[in-house]
Amino acid sequence: MSVRYFDGCPNWRVAETRLREVLRELGSSAVEVELERVETSEQAEAVAFRGSPTVLVDGEDLFLDEAAPVGLMCRIYATPDGLQGAPSVEQLRQVLAR
């Protein structure tokens, strides 16, 4: 499991915190969360990086929007509480419970 991010976007820290919270709730606190920094536009293209933060399980983007552009930018998530820079705890809980 990993959080892919770039340094220009602070929202990855929120995503990481929420992800670890949900893993604890699900009894999976031993699951390692890797942080994957994307440093260049070329690297973003190579990994199809659709913005920071991106939450991945086994390399799969849990909130993939194929229409979203690829590049070094902050990602926006539609949450029950409106647009946010990271998925909500409830959204993470739902996708990880599958």
N, C-alpha and C. Protein backbone atom coordinates (compact mmCIF):
# COMPACT_ATOMS: atom_id res chain seq x y z
N MET A 1 0.85 -1.16 0.00
CA MET A 1 0.00 0.00 0.00
C MET A 1 0.90 1.22 0.00
N SER A 2 0.51 2.24 -0.76
CA SER A 2 1.36 3.42 -0.81
C SER A 2 0.55 4.68 -1.05
N VAL A 3 1.19 5.79 -0.72
CA VAL A 3 0.66 7.12 -1.03
C VAL A 3 1.69 7.76 -1.94
N ARG A 4 1.28 8.08 -3.16
CA ARG A 4 2.15 8.73 -4.13
C ARG A 4 1.88 10.23 -4.05
N TYR A 5 2.94 11.02 -4.04
CA TYR A 5 2.81 12.46 -3.84
C TYR A 5 3.94 13.22 -4.50
N PHE A 6 3.82 14.56 -4.50
CA PHE A 6 4.96 15.39 -4.85
C PHE A 6 5.07 16.49 -3.81
N ASP A 7 6.29 17.00 -3.65
CA ASP A 7 6.58 17.93 -2.55
C ASP A 7 5.75 19.20 -2.57
N GLY A 8 5.27 19.64 -3.73
CA GLY A 8 4.53 20.89 -3.82
C GLY A 8 3.10 20.82 -3.30
N CYS A 9 2.66 19.66 -2.87
CA CYS A 9 1.29 19.49 -2.41
C CYS A 9 1.27 18.94 -0.98
N PRO A 10 0.73 19.70 -0.03
CA PRO A 10 0.73 19.25 1.37
C PRO A 10 -0.35 18.21 1.70
N ASN A 11 -1.27 17.97 0.80
CA ASN A 11 -2.42 17.11 1.11
C ASN A 11 -2.05 15.64 1.30
N TRP A 12 -0.87 15.23 0.85
CA TRP A 12 -0.49 13.83 1.01
C TRP A 12 -0.38 13.46 2.49
N ARG A 13 -0.02 14.42 3.31
CA ARG A 13 0.09 14.13 4.75
C ARG A 13 -1.29 13.82 5.35
N VAL A 14 -2.30 14.53 4.88
CA VAL A 14 -3.67 14.27 5.34
C VAL A 14 -4.10 12.88 4.89
N ALA A 15 -3.82 12.55 3.63
CA ALA A 15 -4.18 11.23 3.11
C ALA A 15 -3.48 10.13 3.87
N GLU A 16 -2.20 10.32 4.15
CA GLU A 16 -1.45 9.31 4.90
C GLU A 16 -2.03 9.11 6.29
N THR A 17 -2.34 10.20 6.98
CA THR A 17 -2.91 10.13 8.32
C THR A 17 -4.25 9.41 8.31
N ARG A 18 -5.10 9.76 7.36
CA ARG A 18 -6.42 9.13 7.26
C ARG A 18 -6.29 7.65 6.91
N LEU A 19 -5.37 7.33 6.02
CA LEU A 19 -5.16 5.94 5.63
C LEU A 19 -4.71 5.11 6.82
N ARG A 20 -3.77 5.61 7.58
CA ARG A 20 -3.30 4.87 8.76
C ARG A 20 -4.42 4.72 9.80
N GLU A 21 -5.25 5.73 9.93
CA GLU A 21 -6.39 5.66 10.86
C GLU A 21 -7.33 4.53 10.46
N VAL A 22 -7.65 4.45 9.18
CA VAL A 22 -8.57 3.41 8.70
C VAL A 22 -7.93 2.03 8.84
N LEU A 23 -6.65 1.92 8.55
CA LEU A 23 -5.97 0.63 8.72
C LEU A 23 -6.03 0.17 10.18
N ARG A 24 -5.85 1.10 11.12
CA ARG A 24 -5.97 0.75 12.55
C ARG A 24 -7.38 0.27 12.86
N GLU A 25 -8.39 0.99 12.35
CA GLU A 25 -9.79 0.61 12.59
C GLU A 25 -10.09 -0.79 12.06
N LEU A 26 -9.49 -1.12 10.91
CA LEU A 26 -9.74 -2.42 10.28
C LEU A 26 -8.86 -3.53 10.84
N GLY A 27 -8.05 -3.19 11.85
CA GLY A 27 -7.17 -4.18 12.46
C GLY A 27 -5.97 -4.52 11.59
N SER A 28 -5.61 -3.60 10.71
CA SER A 28 -4.50 -3.83 9.79
C SER A 28 -3.37 -2.83 9.99
N SER A 29 -3.16 -2.41 11.23
CA SER A 29 -2.14 -1.39 11.48
C SER A 29 -0.74 -1.87 11.16
N ALA A 30 -0.55 -3.18 11.02
CA ALA A 30 0.77 -3.70 10.67
C ALA A 30 1.08 -3.56 9.17
N VAL A 31 0.06 -3.23 8.38
CA VAL A 31 0.27 -3.03 6.95
C VAL A 31 1.18 -1.82 6.75
N GLU A 32 2.22 -2.02 5.96
CA GLU A 32 3.17 -0.93 5.71
C GLU A 32 2.61 0.03 4.67
N VAL A 33 2.68 1.31 4.97
CA VAL A 33 2.28 2.35 4.03
C VAL A 33 3.56 3.02 3.53
N GLU A 34 3.84 2.81 2.25
CA GLU A 34 5.03 3.40 1.65
C GLU A 34 4.68 4.78 1.10
N LEU A 35 5.62 5.68 1.18
CA LEU A 35 5.47 7.00 0.59
C LEU A 35 6.31 7.04 -0.68
N GLU A 36 5.66 7.34 -1.81
CA GLU A 36 6.33 7.37 -3.10
C GLU A 36 6.33 8.80 -3.63
N ARG A 37 7.49 9.43 -3.60
CA ARG A 37 7.58 10.81 -4.08
C ARG A 37 7.82 10.82 -5.59
N VAL A 38 7.03 11.61 -6.30
CA VAL A 38 7.20 11.83 -7.73
C VAL A 38 7.91 13.17 -7.86
N GLU A 39 9.06 13.16 -8.52
CA GLU A 39 9.91 14.35 -8.53
C GLU A 39 9.92 15.13 -9.84
N THR A 40 9.61 14.50 -10.96
CA THR A 40 9.70 15.19 -12.24
C THR A 40 8.45 14.93 -13.08
N SER A 41 8.24 15.79 -14.06
CA SER A 41 7.12 15.59 -14.99
C SER A 41 7.29 14.29 -15.76
N GLU A 42 8.52 13.96 -16.09
CA GLU A 42 8.79 12.72 -16.81
C GLU A 42 8.41 11.50 -15.96
N GLN A 43 8.74 11.55 -14.69
CA GLN A 43 8.37 10.46 -13.79
C GLN A 43 6.86 10.39 -13.65
N ALA A 44 6.20 11.55 -13.56
CA ALA A 44 4.73 11.58 -13.47
C ALA A 44 4.10 10.91 -14.69
N GLU A 45 4.63 11.20 -15.87
CA GLU A 45 4.13 10.57 -17.09
C GLU A 45 4.36 9.06 -17.07
N ALA A 46 5.54 8.66 -16.63
CA ALA A 46 5.90 7.24 -16.63
C ALA A 46 5.00 6.40 -15.73
N VAL A 47 4.54 6.98 -14.62
CA VAL A 47 3.70 6.22 -13.68
C VAL A 47 2.23 6.63 -13.76
N ALA A 48 1.88 7.45 -14.75
CA ALA A 48 0.50 7.94 -14.93
C ALA A 48 -0.02 8.58 -13.64
N PHE A 49 0.78 9.47 -13.08
CA PHE A 49 0.48 10.15 -11.82
C PHE A 49 -0.59 11.21 -12.05
N ARG A 50 -1.76 11.00 -11.48
CA ARG A 50 -2.89 11.90 -11.68
C ARG A 50 -3.07 12.87 -10.51
N GLY A 51 -1.99 13.17 -9.85
CA GLY A 51 -2.04 14.19 -8.80
C GLY A 51 -1.77 13.64 -7.42
N SER A 52 -1.45 14.57 -6.55
CA SER A 52 -1.08 14.27 -5.17
C SER A 52 -2.20 14.65 -4.23
N PRO A 53 -2.56 13.74 -3.36
CA PRO A 53 -2.05 12.40 -3.13
C PRO A 53 -2.81 11.36 -3.94
N THR A 54 -2.12 10.29 -4.28
CA THR A 54 -2.73 9.14 -4.93
C THR A 54 -2.54 7.95 -3.99
N VAL A 55 -3.63 7.28 -3.64
CA VAL A 55 -3.58 6.12 -2.75
C VAL A 55 -3.60 4.87 -3.63
N LEU A 56 -2.59 4.02 -3.44
CA LEU A 56 -2.44 2.81 -4.25
C LEU A 56 -2.44 1.56 -3.39
N VAL A 57 -3.11 0.53 -3.88
CA VAL A 57 -3.04 -0.81 -3.28
C VAL A 57 -2.60 -1.74 -4.39
N ASP A 58 -1.48 -2.41 -4.16
CA ASP A 58 -0.90 -3.29 -5.18
C ASP A 58 -0.75 -2.56 -6.51
N GLY A 59 -0.36 -1.29 -6.44
CA GLY A 59 -0.14 -0.48 -7.64
C GLY A 59 -1.39 0.07 -8.28
N GLU A 60 -2.56 -0.23 -7.73
CA GLU A 60 -3.82 0.23 -8.30
C GLU A 60 -4.31 1.48 -7.59
N ASP A 61 -4.62 2.51 -8.36
CA ASP A 61 -5.15 3.77 -7.85
C ASP A 61 -6.59 3.51 -7.38
N LEU A 62 -6.82 3.65 -6.08
CA LEU A 62 -8.15 3.35 -5.52
C LEU A 62 -9.23 4.32 -5.94
N PHE A 63 -8.85 5.49 -6.42
CA PHE A 63 -9.82 6.52 -6.80
C PHE A 63 -9.54 7.01 -8.22
N LEU A 64 -9.18 6.10 -9.10
CA LEU A 64 -8.76 6.45 -10.45
C LEU A 64 -9.86 7.18 -11.22
N ASP A 65 -9.47 8.30 -11.80
CA ASP A 65 -10.30 9.04 -12.74
C ASP A 65 -9.47 9.14 -14.02
N GLU A 66 -9.75 8.29 -14.97
CA GLU A 66 -8.93 8.23 -16.18
C GLU A 66 -8.99 9.51 -16.99
N ALA A 67 -9.98 10.35 -16.74
CA ALA A 67 -10.09 11.62 -17.45
C ALA A 67 -9.21 12.70 -16.82
N ALA A 68 -8.72 12.45 -15.62
CA ALA A 68 -7.88 13.45 -14.92
C ALA A 68 -6.53 13.55 -15.62
N PRO A 69 -5.98 14.76 -15.68
CA PRO A 69 -4.68 14.93 -16.31
C PRO A 69 -3.56 14.27 -15.52
N VAL A 70 -2.47 13.98 -16.20
CA VAL A 70 -1.28 13.41 -15.58
C VAL A 70 -0.28 14.54 -15.37
N GLY A 71 0.34 14.59 -14.17
CA GLY A 71 1.36 15.60 -13.93
C GLY A 71 1.53 15.92 -12.46
N LEU A 72 2.41 16.87 -12.20
CA LEU A 72 2.70 17.30 -10.83
C LEU A 72 1.69 18.37 -10.43
N MET A 73 0.65 17.94 -9.72
CA MET A 73 -0.41 18.84 -9.29
C MET A 73 -1.10 18.25 -8.07
N CYS A 74 -1.80 19.09 -7.36
CA CYS A 74 -2.62 18.59 -6.25
C CYS A 74 -3.88 17.98 -6.84
N ARG A 75 -4.30 16.90 -6.25
CA ARG A 75 -5.50 16.19 -6.69
C ARG A 75 -6.69 16.64 -5.84
N ILE A 76 -7.86 16.67 -6.42
CA ILE A 76 -9.08 17.04 -5.72
C ILE A 76 -10.00 15.83 -5.66
N TYR A 77 -10.56 15.59 -4.48
CA TYR A 77 -11.49 14.47 -4.26
C TYR A 77 -12.87 15.01 -3.93
N ALA A 78 -13.89 14.46 -4.58
CA ALA A 78 -15.27 14.78 -4.25
C ALA A 78 -15.64 13.89 -3.06
N THR A 79 -15.87 14.52 -1.90
CA THR A 79 -16.20 13.78 -0.68
C THR A 79 -17.62 14.15 -0.25
N PRO A 80 -18.19 13.41 0.68
CA PRO A 80 -19.52 13.77 1.19
C PRO A 80 -19.56 15.19 1.79
N ASP A 81 -18.41 15.69 2.21
CA ASP A 81 -18.33 17.03 2.79
C ASP A 81 -17.90 18.09 1.79
N GLY A 82 -17.91 17.75 0.51
CA GLY A 82 -17.48 18.68 -0.53
C GLY A 82 -16.10 18.33 -1.05
N LEU A 83 -15.54 19.20 -1.87
CA LEU A 83 -14.23 18.95 -2.45
C LEU A 83 -13.14 19.07 -1.39
N GLN A 84 -12.22 18.11 -1.39
CA GLN A 84 -11.10 18.11 -0.45
C GLN A 84 -9.84 17.66 -1.17
N GLY A 85 -8.71 17.91 -0.54
CA GLY A 85 -7.42 17.54 -1.11
C GLY A 85 -7.00 16.11 -0.83
N ALA A 86 -7.84 15.34 -0.16
CA ALA A 86 -7.55 13.94 0.15
C ALA A 86 -8.89 13.21 0.32
N PRO A 87 -8.91 11.90 0.08
CA PRO A 87 -10.15 11.16 0.31
C PRO A 87 -10.52 11.20 1.80
N SER A 88 -11.80 11.15 2.06
CA SER A 88 -12.27 11.17 3.44
C SER A 88 -11.98 9.83 4.12
N VAL A 89 -12.05 9.81 5.42
CA VAL A 89 -11.88 8.58 6.18
C VAL A 89 -12.92 7.56 5.72
N GLU A 90 -14.16 7.99 5.55
CA GLU A 90 -15.22 7.08 5.14
C GLU A 90 -14.96 6.51 3.74
N GLN A 91 -14.50 7.33 2.82
CA GLN A 91 -14.19 6.83 1.47
C GLN A 91 -13.08 5.79 1.52
N LEU A 92 -12.05 6.06 2.30
CA LEU A 92 -10.96 5.09 2.45
C LEU A 92 -11.46 3.80 3.10
N ARG A 93 -12.30 3.95 4.10
CA ARG A 93 -12.87 2.77 4.78
C ARG A 93 -13.63 1.91 3.78
N GLN A 94 -14.43 2.54 2.94
CA GLN A 94 -15.24 1.81 1.95
C GLN A 94 -14.38 1.06 0.95
N VAL A 95 -13.36 1.72 0.39
CA VAL A 95 -12.55 1.05 -0.64
C VAL A 95 -11.65 -0.03 -0.04
N LEU A 96 -11.20 0.16 1.19
CA LEU A 96 -10.31 -0.84 1.81
C LEU A 96 -11.08 -2.03 2.37
N ALA A 97 -12.36 -1.85 2.65
CA ALA A 97 -13.17 -2.95 3.19
C ALA A 97 -13.53 -3.96 2.10
N ARG A 98 -13.35 -3.58 0.86
CA ARG A 98 -13.69 -4.49 -0.27
C ARG A 98 -12.77 -5.66 -0.34
